[in-house]
N, C-alpha and C. Protein backbone atom coordinates (compact mmCIF):
# COMPACT_ATOMS: atom_id res chain seq x y z
N MET A 1 96.82 117.90 103.52
CA MET A 1 97.71 117.43 104.54
C MET A 1 98.91 116.76 103.86
N ARG A 2 100.08 117.04 104.36
CA ARG A 2 101.29 116.44 103.81
C ARG A 2 101.78 115.34 104.74
N LEU A 3 102.10 114.21 104.16
CA LEU A 3 102.64 113.09 104.94
C LEU A 3 104.03 112.75 104.42
N THR A 4 104.87 112.33 105.33
CA THR A 4 106.16 111.81 104.91
C THR A 4 105.95 110.44 104.29
N THR A 5 106.96 109.93 103.65
CA THR A 5 106.86 108.59 103.07
C THR A 5 106.56 107.58 104.17
N ARG A 6 107.24 107.70 105.27
CA ARG A 6 107.02 106.78 106.39
C ARG A 6 105.58 106.88 106.91
N GLY A 7 105.04 108.08 106.99
CA GLY A 7 103.67 108.28 107.43
C GLY A 7 102.66 107.69 106.46
N ARG A 8 102.92 107.88 105.16
CA ARG A 8 102.03 107.32 104.14
C ARG A 8 102.04 105.80 104.19
N TYR A 9 103.23 105.22 104.36
CA TYR A 9 103.32 103.76 104.46
C TYR A 9 102.63 103.26 105.73
N ALA A 10 102.70 104.01 106.80
CA ALA A 10 102.04 103.62 108.05
C ALA A 10 100.53 103.58 107.87
N VAL A 11 99.98 104.59 107.22
CA VAL A 11 98.53 104.61 106.97
C VAL A 11 98.13 103.45 106.07
N THR A 12 98.92 103.20 105.03
CA THR A 12 98.65 102.09 104.12
C THR A 12 98.69 100.76 104.87
N ALA A 13 99.68 100.58 105.73
CA ALA A 13 99.80 99.35 106.50
C ALA A 13 98.62 99.18 107.46
N LEU A 14 98.19 100.25 108.09
CA LEU A 14 97.05 100.17 109.01
C LEU A 14 95.76 99.79 108.28
N LEU A 15 95.56 100.36 107.11
CA LEU A 15 94.38 100.00 106.32
C LEU A 15 94.43 98.54 105.90
N ASP A 16 95.60 98.08 105.46
CA ASP A 16 95.76 96.68 105.08
C ASP A 16 95.49 95.78 106.28
N LEU A 17 96.03 96.14 107.42
CA LEU A 17 95.84 95.36 108.64
C LEU A 17 94.36 95.28 109.01
N ALA A 18 93.65 96.38 108.92
CA ALA A 18 92.22 96.40 109.24
C ALA A 18 91.43 95.51 108.29
N LEU A 19 91.75 95.56 107.01
CA LEU A 19 91.04 94.73 106.04
C LEU A 19 91.35 93.25 106.23
N GLN A 20 92.59 92.92 106.49
CA GLN A 20 92.98 91.52 106.65
C GLN A 20 92.44 90.94 107.95
N THR A 21 92.42 91.74 109.00
CA THR A 21 91.93 91.27 110.30
C THR A 21 90.45 90.93 110.24
N SER A 22 89.69 91.68 109.45
CA SER A 22 88.26 91.40 109.35
C SER A 22 88.00 90.14 108.53
N GLN A 23 88.97 89.72 107.71
CA GLN A 23 88.78 88.55 106.86
C GLN A 23 89.36 87.27 107.46
N GLN A 24 90.25 87.37 108.41
CA GLN A 24 90.86 86.19 109.00
C GLN A 24 91.04 86.39 110.49
N GLU A 25 91.14 85.28 111.19
CA GLU A 25 91.27 85.35 112.63
C GLU A 25 92.71 85.25 113.12
N SER A 26 93.61 84.81 112.27
CA SER A 26 95.00 84.67 112.68
C SER A 26 95.75 86.00 112.57
N ALA A 27 96.92 86.02 113.14
CA ALA A 27 97.75 87.23 113.11
C ALA A 27 98.22 87.53 111.69
N VAL A 28 98.44 88.80 111.43
CA VAL A 28 98.93 89.25 110.13
C VAL A 28 100.39 89.66 110.31
N SER A 29 101.28 89.08 109.53
CA SER A 29 102.70 89.38 109.69
C SER A 29 103.10 90.63 108.90
N LEU A 30 104.16 91.27 109.37
CA LEU A 30 104.67 92.45 108.68
C LEU A 30 105.13 92.11 107.27
N SER A 31 105.73 90.95 107.11
CA SER A 31 106.21 90.57 105.77
C SER A 31 105.05 90.40 104.80
N ASP A 32 103.91 89.90 105.27
CA ASP A 32 102.73 89.78 104.41
C ASP A 32 102.21 91.15 103.99
N ILE A 33 102.15 92.07 104.93
CA ILE A 33 101.70 93.44 104.62
C ILE A 33 102.66 94.08 103.62
N ALA A 34 103.95 93.92 103.86
CA ALA A 34 104.96 94.51 102.98
C ALA A 34 104.83 93.98 101.56
N LYS A 35 104.60 92.69 101.42
CA LYS A 35 104.46 92.09 100.09
C LYS A 35 103.19 92.58 99.40
N ARG A 36 102.07 92.59 100.11
CA ARG A 36 100.80 93.00 99.50
C ARG A 36 100.82 94.46 99.07
N GLN A 37 101.46 95.30 99.85
CA GLN A 37 101.44 96.74 99.59
C GLN A 37 102.70 97.25 98.88
N SER A 38 103.62 96.36 98.58
CA SER A 38 104.90 96.73 97.94
C SER A 38 105.63 97.81 98.74
N ILE A 39 105.73 97.56 100.03
CA ILE A 39 106.42 98.47 100.95
C ILE A 39 107.64 97.73 101.50
N SER A 40 108.75 98.42 101.60
CA SER A 40 109.93 97.83 102.21
C SER A 40 109.63 97.52 103.67
N ILE A 41 110.02 96.34 104.12
CA ILE A 41 109.74 95.96 105.50
C ILE A 41 110.46 96.88 106.49
N SER A 42 111.53 97.52 106.07
CA SER A 42 112.25 98.43 106.97
C SER A 42 111.41 99.66 107.33
N TYR A 43 110.43 100.01 106.51
CA TYR A 43 109.53 101.12 106.82
C TYR A 43 108.47 100.71 107.83
N LEU A 44 108.25 99.42 107.97
CA LEU A 44 107.22 98.96 108.88
C LEU A 44 107.83 98.65 110.23
């Protein structure tokens, strides 16, 4: 399966969100996801 860069970043962000949500009860910010995954926030 071929994914665009934006699609690949979306999958990466969703996985990060799922992992972080299971570890903490507070909201996860886009800037935190972008920093952890080295993704430009404009892609999120």
